[in-house]
Amino acid sequence: MKRKLMLLLACLFVGIGLVTAQTQKVTGVVISEEDGQPVIGASVLVKGTQIGTITGVDGDFTLPNVPSSAKTLQVSFVGMQTQEVSIKPNLKVVMKSDSEVLDEVMV
């Protein structure tokens, strides 16, 4: 009887570990390549899902419930190129400017 109880408890703990391992927490910071300053209000989205957030005042973000099957984050901001980065627990994303030089301007 004692052996069966220990086996049942071991299976229970392993099962709980598997259930909690299905999501992960991803944190990071988004900075600008031009001046190294944090990008405030950049959109961070898990590609292929509706899970996302925006960066704070320091350019930092936290995504608490990212599925372990997710592989890529999309980071976008107005005036900068959209970046796609692979998911890691701690990220540093460098955004590049998306500016174009104009030859003429008509008024």
Protein backbone atom coordinates (compact mmCIF):
# COMPACT_ATOMS: atom_id res chain seq x y z
CA MET A 1 0.00 0.00 0.00
CA LYS A 2 2.79 2.40 0.90
CA ARG A 3 4.49 1.73 -2.43
CA LYS A 4 1.31 2.51 -4.38
CA LEU A 5 0.86 5.76 -2.48
CA MET A 6 4.44 6.85 -3.22
CA LEU A 7 3.98 6.01 -6.91
CA LEU A 8 0.74 8.02 -7.02
CA LEU A 9 2.40 11.03 -5.37
CA ALA A 10 5.38 10.85 -7.74
CA CYS A 11 3.04 10.81 -10.77
CA LEU A 12 1.11 13.74 -9.33
CA PHE A 13 4.25 15.88 -8.92
CA VAL A 14 5.51 14.99 -12.40
CA GLY A 15 2.10 15.87 -13.87
CA ILE A 16 2.05 19.25 -12.14
CA GLY A 17 5.56 19.97 -13.44
CA LEU A 18 4.51 19.19 -17.01
CA VAL A 19 1.42 21.41 -16.82
CA THR A 20 3.35 24.43 -15.52
CA ALA A 21 6.12 23.98 -18.10
CA GLN A 22 3.74 24.69 -20.97
CA THR A 23 4.14 28.46 -20.62
CA GLN A 24 7.16 30.64 -20.06
CA LYS A 25 7.86 34.21 -18.97
CA VAL A 26 9.71 36.44 -21.46
CA THR A 27 11.23 39.77 -20.44
CA GLY A 28 13.39 42.19 -22.34
CA VAL A 29 14.23 45.70 -23.40
CA VAL A 30 13.84 47.51 -26.74
CA ILE A 31 16.41 50.19 -27.65
CA SER A 32 17.07 52.38 -30.67
CA GLU A 33 20.13 51.70 -32.81
CA GLU A 34 20.67 55.41 -33.57
CA ASP A 35 21.11 56.76 -30.05
CA GLY A 36 20.90 53.73 -27.74
CA GLN A 37 17.86 55.17 -25.97
CA PRO A 38 14.89 53.00 -24.90
CA VAL A 39 11.93 52.85 -27.31
CA ILE A 40 8.78 53.79 -25.38
CA GLY A 41 5.49 52.32 -26.63
CA ALA A 42 6.89 49.72 -29.03
CA SER A 43 4.53 46.81 -29.74
CA VAL A 44 5.80 43.34 -28.75
CA LEU A 45 3.67 40.47 -30.10
CA VAL A 46 4.10 36.69 -30.03
CA LYS A 47 3.94 35.76 -33.72
CA GLY A 48 0.84 33.74 -34.61
CA THR A 49 -1.04 34.56 -31.38
CA GLN A 50 -2.96 37.41 -29.78
CA ILE A 51 -0.48 37.64 -26.88
CA GLY A 52 1.33 40.95 -26.74
CA THR A 53 2.27 44.05 -24.81
CA ILE A 54 3.89 47.47 -25.24
CA THR A 55 7.18 48.69 -23.83
CA GLY A 56 7.28 50.92 -20.78
CA VAL A 57 9.14 54.14 -19.98
CA ASP A 58 12.48 52.31 -19.78
CA GLY A 59 11.81 50.33 -22.97
CA ASP A 60 11.23 47.16 -20.97
CA PHE A 61 8.47 44.58 -21.47
CA THR A 62 7.20 41.40 -19.81
CA LEU A 63 5.11 38.65 -21.37
CA PRO A 64 4.08 36.30 -18.53
CA ASN A 65 2.21 33.49 -20.34
CA VAL A 66 4.03 32.75 -23.61
CA PRO A 67 3.30 29.22 -24.88
CA SER A 68 6.37 27.00 -25.01
CA SER A 69 5.48 26.18 -28.64
CA ALA A 70 5.94 29.85 -29.67
CA LYS A 71 9.28 30.56 -31.36
CA THR A 72 9.24 34.20 -32.55
CA LEU A 73 8.45 37.70 -31.25
CA GLN A 74 7.51 40.61 -33.55
CA VAL A 75 8.62 44.02 -32.33
CA SER A 76 7.34 47.09 -34.17
CA PHE A 77 7.26 50.86 -33.74
CA VAL A 78 6.29 53.77 -35.98
CA GLY A 79 9.29 55.00 -37.96
CA MET A 80 11.34 51.86 -37.30
CA GLN A 81 11.75 48.55 -39.09
CA THR A 82 9.78 45.63 -37.68
CA GLN A 83 12.12 43.13 -36.01
CA GLU A 84 11.48 39.40 -35.60
CA VAL A 85 13.55 37.76 -32.86
CA SER A 86 13.61 34.24 -31.46
CA ILE A 87 12.14 33.84 -28.00
CA LYS A 88 14.51 33.64 -25.03
CA PRO A 89 13.83 34.35 -21.33
CA ASN A 90 15.75 37.69 -21.46
CA LEU A 91 15.93 39.69 -24.70
CA LYS A 92 17.59 42.86 -25.92
CA VAL A 93 16.02 44.08 -29.18
CA VAL A 94 17.74 46.81 -31.21
CA MET A 95 15.36 48.71 -33.52
CA LYS A 96 16.68 50.21 -36.76
CA SER A 97 15.34 53.43 -38.26
CA ASP A 98 13.06 53.14 -41.31
CA SER A 99 13.80 56.54 -42.82
CA GLU A 100 13.99 57.27 -46.53
CA VAL A 101 15.70 60.20 -48.19
CA LEU A 102 13.47 62.27 -50.48
CA ASP A 103 14.82 63.93 -53.62
CA GLU A 104 12.07 66.53 -53.96
CA VAL A 105 9.20 67.94 -51.97
CA MET A 106 6.27 69.63 -53.74
CA VAL A 107 4.11 72.08 -51.84
